[in-house]
């Protein structure tokens, strides 16, 4: 299996897996792949997680970040609660180590410390 990310939206957990062997050489490709997988995570009342969460790239070469944006109009809570080892390193988080959850709100998107080498 590929790298995974687990999100909590409106009290329910959604796990997405990045495609095994997907081209993730650039920050843009990582964002594209995460957005693609969010589109496959179906919500109970229709639509997908991609309707509620978007990942974009900010910054210029060498200093790029992945930015997770909450697009939910209803104001439901959205959090990043777990990630595979490589994703954790790439995002600069320690979700598994200290059990933190990263809140992603409309006013406060989550910005990773992902730097391209």
N, C-alpha and C. Protein backbone atom coordinates (compact mmCIF):
# COMPACT_ATOMS: atom_id res chain seq x y z
N UNK A 1 0.84 -1.21 0.00
CA UNK A 1 0.00 0.00 0.00
C UNK A 1 0.87 1.24 0.00
N UNK A 2 0.32 2.31 -0.53
CA UNK A 2 1.05 3.57 -0.58
C UNK A 2 0.95 4.31 0.74
N UNK A 3 1.47 5.51 0.76
CA UNK A 3 1.40 6.35 1.96
C UNK A 3 -0.05 6.74 2.24
N UNK A 4 -0.38 6.88 3.52
CA UNK A 4 -1.76 7.23 3.84
C UNK A 4 -1.85 8.48 4.70
N UNK A 5 -3.03 9.07 4.65
CA UNK A 5 -3.38 10.21 5.49
C UNK A 5 -4.77 9.93 6.05
N UNK A 6 -4.98 10.27 7.31
CA UNK A 6 -6.30 10.08 7.91
C UNK A 6 -6.82 11.45 8.35
N UNK A 7 -8.01 11.76 7.88
CA UNK A 7 -8.67 13.02 8.23
C UNK A 7 -9.90 12.73 9.06
N UNK A 8 -10.26 13.65 9.93
CA UNK A 8 -11.51 13.55 10.68
C UNK A 8 -12.35 14.73 10.23
N UNK A 9 -13.54 14.41 9.71
CA UNK A 9 -14.45 15.46 9.24
C UNK A 9 -15.82 15.21 9.86
N UNK A 10 -16.37 16.22 10.51
CA UNK A 10 -17.69 16.12 11.14
C UNK A 10 -17.79 14.86 12.03
N UNK A 11 -16.70 14.58 12.76
CA UNK A 11 -16.70 13.48 13.71
C UNK A 11 -16.43 12.10 13.14
N UNK A 12 -16.25 11.99 11.83
CA UNK A 12 -16.01 10.68 11.20
C UNK A 12 -14.61 10.66 10.59
N UNK A 13 -13.96 9.51 10.68
CA UNK A 13 -12.60 9.38 10.13
C UNK A 13 -12.62 8.90 8.69
N UNK A 14 -11.75 9.48 7.88
CA UNK A 14 -11.60 9.09 6.48
C UNK A 14 -10.12 8.86 6.21
N UNK A 15 -9.82 7.69 5.70
CA UNK A 15 -8.43 7.36 5.39
C UNK A 15 -8.25 7.40 3.88
N UNK A 16 -7.23 8.09 3.43
CA UNK A 16 -6.92 8.07 1.99
C UNK A 16 -5.52 7.50 1.82
N UNK A 17 -5.31 6.77 0.75
CA UNK A 17 -4.00 6.22 0.45
C UNK A 17 -3.52 6.78 -0.87
N UNK A 18 -2.28 7.22 -0.89
CA UNK A 18 -1.71 7.70 -2.14
C UNK A 18 -1.38 6.48 -3.00
N UNK A 19 -1.57 6.61 -4.29
CA UNK A 19 -1.36 5.51 -5.21
C UNK A 19 0.06 4.98 -5.12
N UNK A 20 0.17 3.66 -4.96
CA UNK A 20 1.48 3.01 -4.93
C UNK A 20 2.21 3.31 -6.24
N UNK A 21 3.42 3.80 -6.14
CA UNK A 21 4.20 4.08 -7.35
C UNK A 21 3.84 5.39 -8.04
N UNK A 22 2.95 6.18 -7.44
CA UNK A 22 2.59 7.46 -8.05
C UNK A 22 3.81 8.37 -8.09
N UNK A 23 3.87 9.23 -9.07
CA UNK A 23 4.98 10.17 -9.21
C UNK A 23 4.78 11.29 -8.19
N UNK A 24 5.60 11.26 -7.16
CA UNK A 24 5.48 12.27 -6.10
C UNK A 24 6.79 13.05 -5.96
N UNK A 25 7.44 13.28 -7.11
CA UNK A 25 8.76 13.92 -7.09
C UNK A 25 8.72 15.41 -6.77
N UNK A 26 7.59 16.04 -7.01
CA UNK A 26 7.50 17.47 -6.73
C UNK A 26 6.36 17.74 -5.76
N UNK A 27 6.41 18.87 -5.10
CA UNK A 27 5.36 19.26 -4.17
C UNK A 27 4.02 19.32 -4.91
N UNK A 28 4.06 19.85 -6.14
CA UNK A 28 2.82 19.96 -6.93
C UNK A 28 2.20 18.59 -7.17
N UNK A 29 3.04 17.60 -7.46
CA UNK A 29 2.52 16.25 -7.73
C UNK A 29 1.96 15.60 -6.48
N UNK A 30 2.56 15.90 -5.33
CA UNK A 30 2.03 15.38 -4.06
C UNK A 30 0.64 15.98 -3.82
N UNK A 31 0.51 17.31 -4.01
CA UNK A 31 -0.78 17.99 -3.81
C UNK A 31 -1.83 17.42 -4.76
N UNK A 32 -1.44 17.22 -6.02
CA UNK A 32 -2.36 16.67 -7.03
C UNK A 32 -2.85 15.28 -6.63
N UNK A 33 -1.93 14.44 -6.17
CA UNK A 33 -2.28 13.08 -5.77
C UNK A 33 -3.19 13.08 -4.54
N UNK A 34 -2.89 13.92 -3.55
CA UNK A 34 -3.75 13.99 -2.35
C UNK A 34 -5.15 14.44 -2.76
N UNK A 35 -5.25 15.47 -3.59
CA UNK A 35 -6.57 15.96 -4.04
C UNK A 35 -7.33 14.87 -4.80
N UNK A 36 -6.61 14.11 -5.63
CA UNK A 36 -7.24 13.02 -6.39
C UNK A 36 -7.84 11.99 -5.44
N UNK A 37 -7.08 11.63 -4.39
CA UNK A 37 -7.56 10.63 -3.43
C UNK A 37 -8.69 11.18 -2.55
N UNK A 38 -8.64 12.47 -2.24
CA UNK A 38 -9.74 13.09 -1.48
C UNK A 38 -11.04 12.96 -2.27
N UNK A 39 -10.94 13.05 -3.58
CA UNK A 39 -12.11 12.92 -4.45
C UNK A 39 -12.74 11.55 -4.41
N UNK A 40 -11.97 10.55 -3.96
CA UNK A 40 -12.48 9.17 -3.88
C UNK A 40 -13.04 8.85 -2.49
N UNK A 41 -12.82 9.75 -1.53
CA UNK A 41 -13.32 9.53 -0.16
C UNK A 41 -14.75 10.05 -0.07
N UNK A 42 -15.70 9.15 -0.19
CA UNK A 42 -17.11 9.54 -0.25
C UNK A 42 -17.67 9.89 1.12
N UNK A 43 -18.46 10.95 1.13
CA UNK A 43 -19.13 11.37 2.37
C UNK A 43 -20.50 10.71 2.45
N UNK A 44 -21.01 10.45 3.66
CA UNK A 44 -22.28 9.73 3.83
C UNK A 44 -23.46 10.42 3.14
N UNK A 45 -23.47 11.75 3.11
CA UNK A 45 -24.61 12.44 2.49
C UNK A 45 -24.29 12.98 1.10
N UNK A 46 -23.40 12.29 0.40
CA UNK A 46 -23.07 12.68 -0.97
C UNK A 46 -21.84 13.57 -1.05
N UNK A 47 -21.25 13.59 -2.22
CA UNK A 47 -20.03 14.36 -2.41
C UNK A 47 -18.84 13.61 -1.85
N UNK A 48 -17.70 14.27 -1.85
CA UNK A 48 -16.47 13.64 -1.37
C UNK A 48 -15.71 14.60 -0.47
N UNK A 49 -14.68 14.09 0.13
CA UNK A 49 -13.84 14.91 1.00
C UNK A 49 -13.19 16.05 0.22
N UNK A 50 -13.03 15.87 -1.09
CA UNK A 50 -12.46 16.94 -1.94
C UNK A 50 -13.37 18.17 -1.97
N UNK A 51 -14.66 17.97 -1.67
CA UNK A 51 -15.59 19.12 -1.61
C UNK A 51 -15.34 19.96 -0.36
N UNK A 52 -14.70 19.35 0.63
CA UNK A 52 -14.51 20.00 1.93
C UNK A 52 -13.06 20.43 2.18
N UNK A 53 -12.15 19.80 1.46
CA UNK A 53 -10.72 20.02 1.71
C UNK A 53 -9.98 20.13 0.39
N UNK A 54 -9.10 21.11 0.28
CA UNK A 54 -8.27 21.26 -0.91
C UNK A 54 -6.82 21.40 -0.47
N UNK A 55 -5.93 20.82 -1.26
CA UNK A 55 -4.51 20.96 -0.99
C UNK A 55 -3.89 21.74 -2.14
N UNK A 56 -3.19 22.81 -1.78
CA UNK A 56 -2.53 23.60 -2.82
C UNK A 56 -1.07 23.82 -2.43
N UNK A 57 -0.31 24.37 -3.36
CA UNK A 57 1.11 24.62 -3.12
C UNK A 57 1.33 26.11 -3.00
N UNK A 58 2.09 26.51 -2.00
CA UNK A 58 2.44 27.91 -1.83
C UNK A 58 3.95 28.04 -1.78
N UNK A 59 4.46 29.20 -2.21
CA UNK A 59 5.89 29.47 -2.12
C UNK A 59 6.59 29.29 -3.45
N UNK A 60 7.89 29.56 -3.44
CA UNK A 60 8.66 29.43 -4.67
C UNK A 60 9.69 28.32 -4.50
N UNK A 61 10.37 27.96 -5.56
CA UNK A 61 11.22 26.77 -5.56
C UNK A 61 12.17 26.70 -4.37
N UNK A 62 12.25 25.50 -3.81
CA UNK A 62 13.08 25.27 -2.64
C UNK A 62 12.39 25.59 -1.32
N UNK A 63 11.35 26.40 -1.36
CA UNK A 63 10.64 26.80 -0.13
C UNK A 63 9.13 26.63 -0.30
N UNK A 64 8.75 25.53 -0.89
CA UNK A 64 7.32 25.30 -1.14
C UNK A 64 6.67 24.57 0.02
N UNK A 65 5.42 24.90 0.28
CA UNK A 65 4.63 24.24 1.32
C UNK A 65 3.36 23.69 0.73
N UNK A 66 2.88 22.59 1.31
CA UNK A 66 1.55 22.10 1.00
C UNK A 66 0.61 22.82 1.96
N UNK A 67 -0.47 23.37 1.43
CA UNK A 67 -1.43 24.07 2.27
C UNK A 67 -2.77 23.34 2.18
N UNK A 68 -3.25 22.89 3.33
CA UNK A 68 -4.53 22.16 3.41
C UNK A 68 -5.60 23.19 3.79
N UNK A 69 -6.55 23.40 2.88
CA UNK A 69 -7.59 24.42 3.08
C UNK A 69 -8.95 23.79 3.34
N UNK A 70 -9.64 24.28 4.37
CA UNK A 70 -10.99 23.84 4.69
C UNK A 70 -11.98 24.61 3.83
N UNK A 71 -12.72 23.90 2.98
CA UNK A 71 -13.70 24.55 2.09
C UNK A 71 -15.14 24.31 2.55
N UNK A 72 -15.31 23.72 3.73
CA UNK A 72 -16.65 23.36 4.20
C UNK A 72 -17.44 24.60 4.59
N UNK A 73 -18.57 24.79 3.92
CA UNK A 73 -19.41 25.96 4.18
C UNK A 73 -20.21 25.83 5.49
N UNK A 74 -20.42 24.59 5.94
CA UNK A 74 -21.21 24.36 7.15
C UNK A 74 -20.39 24.58 8.42
N UNK A 75 -19.08 24.71 8.28
CA UNK A 75 -18.25 24.94 9.46
C UNK A 75 -17.94 23.71 10.27
N UNK A 76 -18.05 22.53 9.66
CA UNK A 76 -17.72 21.30 10.37
C UNK A 76 -16.22 21.23 10.68
N UNK A 77 -15.91 20.56 11.76
CA UNK A 77 -14.52 20.40 12.16
C UNK A 77 -13.80 19.48 11.18
N UNK A 78 -12.60 19.87 10.82
CA UNK A 78 -11.78 19.08 9.91
C UNK A 78 -10.39 19.01 10.49
N UNK A 79 -9.87 17.78 10.63
CA UNK A 79 -8.54 17.61 11.23
C UNK A 79 -7.76 16.56 10.47
N UNK A 80 -6.45 16.74 10.49
CA UNK A 80 -5.53 15.70 10.02
C UNK A 80 -5.14 14.94 11.28
N UNK A 81 -5.47 13.65 11.35
CA UNK A 81 -5.26 12.91 12.59
C UNK A 81 -4.17 11.85 12.52
N UNK A 82 -3.79 11.43 11.32
CA UNK A 82 -2.74 10.43 11.19
C UNK A 82 -2.14 10.48 9.79
N UNK A 83 -0.91 10.01 9.70
CA UNK A 83 -0.25 9.97 8.40
C UNK A 83 0.80 8.87 8.41
N UNK A 84 1.07 8.30 7.25
CA UNK A 84 2.14 7.31 7.12
C UNK A 84 3.48 7.97 7.42
N UNK A 85 4.47 7.16 7.75
CA UNK A 85 5.79 7.66 8.15
C UNK A 85 6.38 8.68 7.16
N UNK A 86 6.37 8.34 5.87
CA UNK A 86 6.97 9.24 4.87
C UNK A 86 6.19 10.55 4.79
N UNK A 87 4.86 10.44 4.84
CA UNK A 87 4.03 11.65 4.78
C UNK A 87 4.28 12.52 6.00
N UNK A 88 4.42 11.89 7.16
CA UNK A 88 4.69 12.65 8.38
C UNK A 88 5.99 13.43 8.24
N UNK A 89 7.00 12.78 7.73
CA UNK A 89 8.29 13.45 7.55
C UNK A 89 8.16 14.58 6.53
N UNK A 90 7.45 14.31 5.46
CA UNK A 90 7.28 15.31 4.41
C UNK A 90 6.50 16.52 4.91
N UNK A 91 5.49 16.25 5.75
CA UNK A 91 4.65 17.34 6.25
C UNK A 91 5.27 18.03 7.46
N UNK A 92 6.27 17.40 8.05
CA UNK A 92 6.90 17.98 9.23
C UNK A 92 6.02 17.89 10.46
N UNK A 93 5.27 16.78 10.57
CA UNK A 93 4.38 16.59 11.72
C UNK A 93 4.85 15.40 12.55
N UNK A 94 4.31 15.27 13.72
CA UNK A 94 4.59 14.12 14.57
C UNK A 94 3.26 13.60 15.13
N UNK A 95 2.36 13.25 14.23
CA UNK A 95 1.03 12.81 14.64
C UNK A 95 1.08 11.52 15.44
N UNK A 96 1.88 10.56 14.98
CA UNK A 96 1.92 9.27 15.66
C UNK A 96 2.68 9.36 16.98
N UNK A 97 3.70 10.20 17.02
CA UNK A 97 4.53 10.30 18.21
C UNK A 97 3.84 10.91 19.40
N UNK A 98 3.13 12.01 19.19
CA UNK A 98 2.53 12.66 20.36
C UNK A 98 1.01 12.77 20.27
N UNK A 99 0.43 11.99 19.37
CA UNK A 99 -1.03 11.89 19.28
C UNK A 99 -1.73 13.24 19.08
N UNK A 100 -1.03 14.19 18.50
CA UNK A 100 -1.69 15.47 18.25
C UNK A 100 -2.61 15.33 17.03
N UNK A 101 -3.57 16.19 16.96
CA UNK A 101 -4.41 16.28 15.77
C UNK A 101 -4.24 17.69 15.23
N UNK A 102 -4.14 17.81 13.93
CA UNK A 102 -3.95 19.12 13.34
C UNK A 102 -5.29 19.64 12.83
N UNK A 103 -5.74 20.71 13.43
CA UNK A 103 -7.01 21.31 13.05
C UNK A 103 -6.83 22.11 11.77
N UNK A 104 -7.76 21.95 10.84
CA UNK A 104 -7.74 22.69 9.58
C UNK A 104 -9.03 23.49 9.52
N UNK A 105 -8.93 24.78 9.82
CA UNK A 105 -10.14 25.60 9.80
C UNK A 105 -10.08 26.58 8.64
N UNK A 106 -11.24 27.18 8.36
CA UNK A 106 -11.31 28.17 7.27
C UNK A 106 -10.31 29.30 7.49
N UNK A 107 -10.22 29.77 8.71
CA UNK A 107 -9.35 30.91 9.02
C UNK A 107 -7.91 30.49 9.25
N UNK A 108 -7.71 29.20 9.46
CA UNK A 108 -6.38 28.73 9.81
C UNK A 108 -6.04 27.44 9.06
N UNK A 109 -5.68 27.56 7.77
CA UNK A 109 -5.30 26.36 7.02
C UNK A 109 -4.03 25.74 7.60
N UNK A 110 -3.83 24.46 7.37
CA UNK A 110 -2.62 23.81 7.83
C UNK A 110 -1.57 23.92 6.73
N UNK A 111 -0.43 24.49 7.08
CA UNK A 111 0.66 24.66 6.12
C UNK A 111 1.81 23.73 6.51
N UNK A 112 2.18 22.85 5.62
CA UNK A 112 3.27 21.91 5.92
C UNK A 112 4.61 22.60 5.80
N UNK A 113 5.61 21.91 6.31
CA UNK A 113 6.98 22.42 6.15
C UNK A 113 7.69 21.58 5.10
N UNK A 114 6.99 21.24 4.05
CA UNK A 114 7.55 20.41 2.99
C UNK A 114 8.48 21.26 2.13
N UNK A 115 9.74 20.90 2.07
CA UNK A 115 10.67 21.63 1.22
C UNK A 115 11.20 20.73 0.13
N UNK A 116 11.20 21.23 -1.06
CA UNK A 116 11.76 20.44 -2.17
C UNK A 116 13.26 20.44 -2.07
N UNK A 117 13.86 19.29 -2.35
CA UNK A 117 15.32 19.25 -2.32
C UNK A 117 15.85 19.54 -3.72
